Amino acid sequence: MPQGINIIIRYDKTLQEITGTAEDPARLSSNSIFAWLLECILMEYPEIEEKYPPGTLYFQVNGYTPKSYSPLFDGDEIYFGVV
């Protein structure tokens, strides 16, 4: 059974209005990838996708732009913002 990882998801001021928080700690499966995390966030906060069409959001994992298949690791910091 895969071990879990702990990450922190941070939102910019604009997305904080939707999420109601500046950051969310999360525990994920150790084989999680960025695309899965993004899908989970958009399912939890559908207003983000409704209000901000593709190309208006940006994402960083530890300061770098992730690929959709980028693996996530214990201690990663994910940042979401509006361009």
N, C-alpha and C. Protein backbone atom coordinates (compact mmCIF):
# COMPACT_ATOMS: atom_id res chain seq x y z
N MET A 1 0.84 -1.18 0.00
CA MET A 1 0.00 0.00 0.00
C MET A 1 0.89 1.24 0.00
N PRO A 2 0.62 2.21 -0.92
CA PRO A 2 1.46 3.41 -0.99
C PRO A 2 1.37 4.24 0.29
N GLN A 3 2.49 4.85 0.65
CA GLN A 3 2.53 5.76 1.78
C GLN A 3 1.94 7.10 1.36
N GLY A 4 1.46 7.86 2.30
CA GLY A 4 0.90 9.17 1.99
C GLY A 4 1.95 10.26 2.01
N ILE A 5 1.62 11.38 1.40
CA ILE A 5 2.47 12.56 1.42
C ILE A 5 1.64 13.73 1.92
N ASN A 6 2.31 14.70 2.50
CA ASN A 6 1.66 15.93 2.96
C ASN A 6 2.13 17.08 2.10
N ILE A 7 1.16 17.86 1.60
CA ILE A 7 1.48 19.03 0.79
C ILE A 7 0.71 20.22 1.34
N ILE A 8 1.06 21.40 0.86
CA ILE A 8 0.33 22.62 1.21
C ILE A 8 -0.10 23.29 -0.09
N ILE A 9 -1.37 23.63 -0.17
CA ILE A 9 -1.92 24.32 -1.34
C ILE A 9 -2.18 25.76 -0.91
N ARG A 10 -1.57 26.71 -1.61
CA ARG A 10 -1.75 28.12 -1.29
C ARG A 10 -2.49 28.80 -2.44
N TYR A 11 -3.34 29.77 -2.09
CA TYR A 11 -4.15 30.50 -3.07
C TYR A 11 -3.82 31.98 -3.02
N ASP A 12 -3.84 32.64 -4.19
CA ASP A 12 -3.64 34.08 -4.18
C ASP A 12 -4.89 34.77 -3.64
N LYS A 13 -4.83 36.08 -3.46
CA LYS A 13 -5.94 36.83 -2.85
C LYS A 13 -7.25 36.65 -3.62
N THR A 14 -7.19 36.62 -4.93
CA THR A 14 -8.39 36.48 -5.74
C THR A 14 -9.06 35.13 -5.49
N LEU A 15 -8.29 34.05 -5.49
CA LEU A 15 -8.87 32.72 -5.27
C LEU A 15 -9.27 32.51 -3.81
N GLN A 16 -8.66 33.26 -2.90
CA GLN A 16 -9.06 33.16 -1.49
C GLN A 16 -10.51 33.58 -1.30
N GLU A 17 -11.00 34.48 -2.15
CA GLU A 17 -12.40 34.89 -2.07
C GLU A 17 -13.33 33.71 -2.36
N ILE A 18 -12.90 32.79 -3.20
CA ILE A 18 -13.70 31.61 -3.53
C ILE A 18 -13.47 30.49 -2.52
N THR A 19 -12.22 30.23 -2.18
CA THR A 19 -11.90 29.11 -1.29
C THR A 19 -12.16 29.41 0.18
N GLY A 20 -12.12 30.69 0.52
CA GLY A 20 -12.32 31.07 1.91
C GLY A 20 -11.10 30.80 2.79
N THR A 21 -9.96 30.53 2.17
CA THR A 21 -8.74 30.25 2.92
C THR A 21 -7.52 30.64 2.11
N ALA A 22 -6.44 30.96 2.81
CA ALA A 22 -5.18 31.28 2.14
C ALA A 22 -4.41 30.02 1.78
N GLU A 23 -4.61 28.96 2.58
CA GLU A 23 -3.91 27.71 2.29
C GLU A 23 -4.68 26.51 2.84
N ASP A 24 -4.47 25.39 2.18
CA ASP A 24 -5.08 24.12 2.58
C ASP A 24 -3.98 23.08 2.71
N PRO A 25 -3.79 22.51 3.88
CA PRO A 25 -2.91 21.35 3.96
C PRO A 25 -3.66 20.15 3.40
N ALA A 26 -2.96 19.26 2.74
CA ALA A 26 -3.61 18.08 2.16
C ALA A 26 -2.72 16.86 2.33
N ARG A 27 -3.35 15.72 2.47
CA ARG A 27 -2.64 14.43 2.51
C ARG A 27 -3.08 13.65 1.30
N LEU A 28 -2.11 13.23 0.49
CA LEU A 28 -2.38 12.52 -0.76
C LEU A 28 -1.64 11.20 -0.80
N SER A 29 -2.03 10.37 -1.72
CA SER A 29 -1.30 9.13 -1.99
C SER A 29 0.08 9.49 -2.53
N SER A 30 1.07 8.69 -2.24
CA SER A 30 2.44 9.00 -2.67
C SER A 30 2.62 8.92 -4.18
N ASN A 31 1.66 8.38 -4.91
CA ASN A 31 1.80 8.31 -6.37
C ASN A 31 0.92 9.35 -7.07
N SER A 32 0.57 10.43 -6.37
CA SER A 32 -0.29 11.48 -6.94
C SER A 32 0.48 12.34 -7.93
N ILE A 33 -0.24 12.81 -8.94
CA ILE A 33 0.33 13.73 -9.93
C ILE A 33 -0.43 15.05 -9.90
N PHE A 34 0.17 16.07 -10.47
CA PHE A 34 -0.41 17.41 -10.43
C PHE A 34 -1.80 17.46 -11.05
N ALA A 35 -2.02 16.82 -12.19
CA ALA A 35 -3.32 16.88 -12.87
C ALA A 35 -4.43 16.37 -11.97
N TRP A 36 -4.16 15.33 -11.21
CA TRP A 36 -5.17 14.78 -10.30
C TRP A 36 -5.50 15.78 -9.20
N LEU A 37 -4.47 16.42 -8.65
CA LEU A 37 -4.69 17.43 -7.62
C LEU A 37 -5.52 18.58 -8.17
N LEU A 38 -5.18 19.06 -9.35
CA LEU A 38 -5.92 20.15 -9.97
C LEU A 38 -7.39 19.77 -10.17
N GLU A 39 -7.63 18.57 -10.65
CA GLU A 39 -9.00 18.10 -10.84
C GLU A 39 -9.76 18.09 -9.52
N CYS A 40 -9.12 17.63 -8.46
CA CYS A 40 -9.76 17.60 -7.14
C CYS A 40 -10.11 19.01 -6.65
N ILE A 41 -9.20 19.96 -6.85
CA ILE A 41 -9.45 21.33 -6.41
C ILE A 41 -10.61 21.94 -7.20
N LEU A 42 -10.64 21.71 -8.51
CA LEU A 42 -11.71 22.27 -9.32
C LEU A 42 -13.06 21.61 -9.03
N MET A 43 -13.03 20.36 -8.59
CA MET A 43 -14.27 19.70 -8.18
C MET A 43 -14.75 20.27 -6.85
N GLU A 44 -13.82 20.56 -5.96
CA GLU A 44 -14.20 21.11 -4.65
C GLU A 44 -14.67 22.56 -4.76
N TYR A 45 -14.06 23.31 -5.67
CA TYR A 45 -14.40 24.72 -5.86
C TYR A 45 -14.76 24.96 -7.33
N PRO A 46 -15.94 24.51 -7.79
CA PRO A 46 -16.30 24.65 -9.21
C PRO A 46 -16.40 26.11 -9.65
N GLU A 47 -16.57 27.03 -8.71
CA GLU A 47 -16.64 28.45 -9.06
C GLU A 47 -15.35 28.93 -9.72
N ILE A 48 -14.23 28.31 -9.36
CA ILE A 48 -12.95 28.72 -9.95
C ILE A 48 -13.00 28.50 -11.46
N GLU A 49 -13.40 27.33 -11.88
CA GLU A 49 -13.45 27.01 -13.31
C GLU A 49 -14.53 27.83 -14.02
N GLU A 50 -15.64 28.09 -13.34
CA GLU A 50 -16.73 28.87 -13.93
C GLU A 50 -16.30 30.33 -14.15
N LYS A 51 -15.60 30.87 -13.19
CA LYS A 51 -15.23 32.30 -13.24
C LYS A 51 -13.96 32.56 -14.04
N TYR A 52 -13.04 31.59 -14.05
CA TYR A 52 -11.75 31.80 -14.71
C TYR A 52 -11.53 30.75 -15.78
N PRO A 53 -11.70 31.10 -17.06
CA PRO A 53 -11.53 30.13 -18.14
C PRO A 53 -10.07 29.70 -18.30
N PRO A 54 -9.83 28.62 -19.06
CA PRO A 54 -8.46 28.17 -19.28
C PRO A 54 -7.56 29.32 -19.74
N GLY A 55 -6.37 29.35 -19.21
CA GLY A 55 -5.41 30.38 -19.56
C GLY A 55 -5.38 31.56 -18.60
N THR A 56 -6.35 31.61 -17.66
CA THR A 56 -6.37 32.72 -16.72
C THR A 56 -5.84 32.34 -15.34
N LEU A 57 -5.55 31.07 -15.14
CA LEU A 57 -4.97 30.60 -13.88
C LEU A 57 -3.52 30.21 -14.09
N TYR A 58 -2.72 30.36 -13.05
CA TYR A 58 -1.35 29.83 -13.13
C TYR A 58 -1.09 28.98 -11.89
N PHE A 59 -0.13 28.09 -12.03
CA PHE A 59 0.16 27.11 -10.99
C PHE A 59 1.67 26.99 -10.84
N GLN A 60 2.10 26.76 -9.62
CA GLN A 60 3.51 26.49 -9.36
C GLN A 60 3.61 25.40 -8.31
N VAL A 61 4.58 24.54 -8.48
CA VAL A 61 4.92 23.54 -7.47
C VAL A 61 6.36 23.86 -7.06
N ASN A 62 6.51 24.28 -5.82
CA ASN A 62 7.84 24.67 -5.31
C ASN A 62 8.50 25.72 -6.19
N GLY A 63 7.72 26.65 -6.72
CA GLY A 63 8.26 27.75 -7.52
C GLY A 63 8.42 27.45 -9.00
N TYR A 64 8.07 26.26 -9.45
CA TYR A 64 8.22 25.88 -10.86
C TYR A 64 6.87 25.54 -11.47
N THR A 65 6.71 25.81 -12.75
CA THR A 65 5.48 25.46 -13.45
C THR A 65 5.45 23.96 -13.68
N PRO A 66 4.41 23.28 -13.18
CA PRO A 66 4.35 21.82 -13.33
C PRO A 66 3.78 21.40 -14.69
N LYS A 67 4.11 20.20 -15.09
CA LYS A 67 3.44 19.53 -16.21
C LYS A 67 2.24 18.82 -15.60
N SER A 68 1.26 18.46 -16.39
CA SER A 68 0.09 17.77 -15.83
C SER A 68 0.49 16.44 -15.20
N TYR A 69 1.53 15.79 -15.71
CA TYR A 69 1.95 14.49 -15.19
C TYR A 69 3.05 14.60 -14.13
N SER A 70 3.37 15.83 -13.69
CA SER A 70 4.41 16.00 -12.68
C SER A 70 4.02 15.31 -11.38
N PRO A 71 4.90 14.48 -10.84
CA PRO A 71 4.60 13.82 -9.57
C PRO A 71 4.68 14.81 -8.42
N LEU A 72 3.90 14.54 -7.39
CA LEU A 72 3.95 15.36 -6.18
C LEU A 72 4.69 14.59 -5.10
N PHE A 73 5.41 15.33 -4.25
CA PHE A 73 6.23 14.71 -3.22
C PHE A 73 5.91 15.32 -1.86
N ASP A 74 6.26 14.58 -0.83
CA ASP A 74 6.04 15.04 0.53
C ASP A 74 6.69 16.40 0.74
N GLY A 75 5.94 17.33 1.30
CA GLY A 75 6.48 18.66 1.58
C GLY A 75 6.31 19.66 0.45
N ASP A 76 5.77 19.25 -0.71
CA ASP A 76 5.58 20.17 -1.82
C ASP A 76 4.64 21.31 -1.43
N GLU A 77 4.92 22.49 -2.00
CA GLU A 77 4.07 23.65 -1.84
C GLU A 77 3.51 24.01 -3.20
N ILE A 78 2.19 24.01 -3.30
CA ILE A 78 1.51 24.28 -4.56
C ILE A 78 0.88 25.67 -4.44
N TYR A 79 1.06 26.49 -5.46
CA TYR A 79 0.52 27.84 -5.45
C TYR A 79 -0.39 28.02 -6.66
N PHE A 80 -1.62 28.51 -6.41
CA PHE A 80 -2.58 28.78 -7.47
C PHE A 80 -2.89 30.26 -7.48
N GLY A 81 -2.93 30.83 -8.67
CA GLY A 81 -3.25 32.24 -8.77
C GLY A 81 -3.96 32.57 -10.07
N VAL A 82 -4.46 33.79 -10.14
CA VAL A 82 -5.12 34.30 -11.34
C VAL A 82 -4.16 35.24 -12.02
N VAL A 83 -4.00 35.10 -13.33
CA VAL A 83 -3.08 35.93 -14.10
C VAL A 83 -3.56 37.36 -14.10
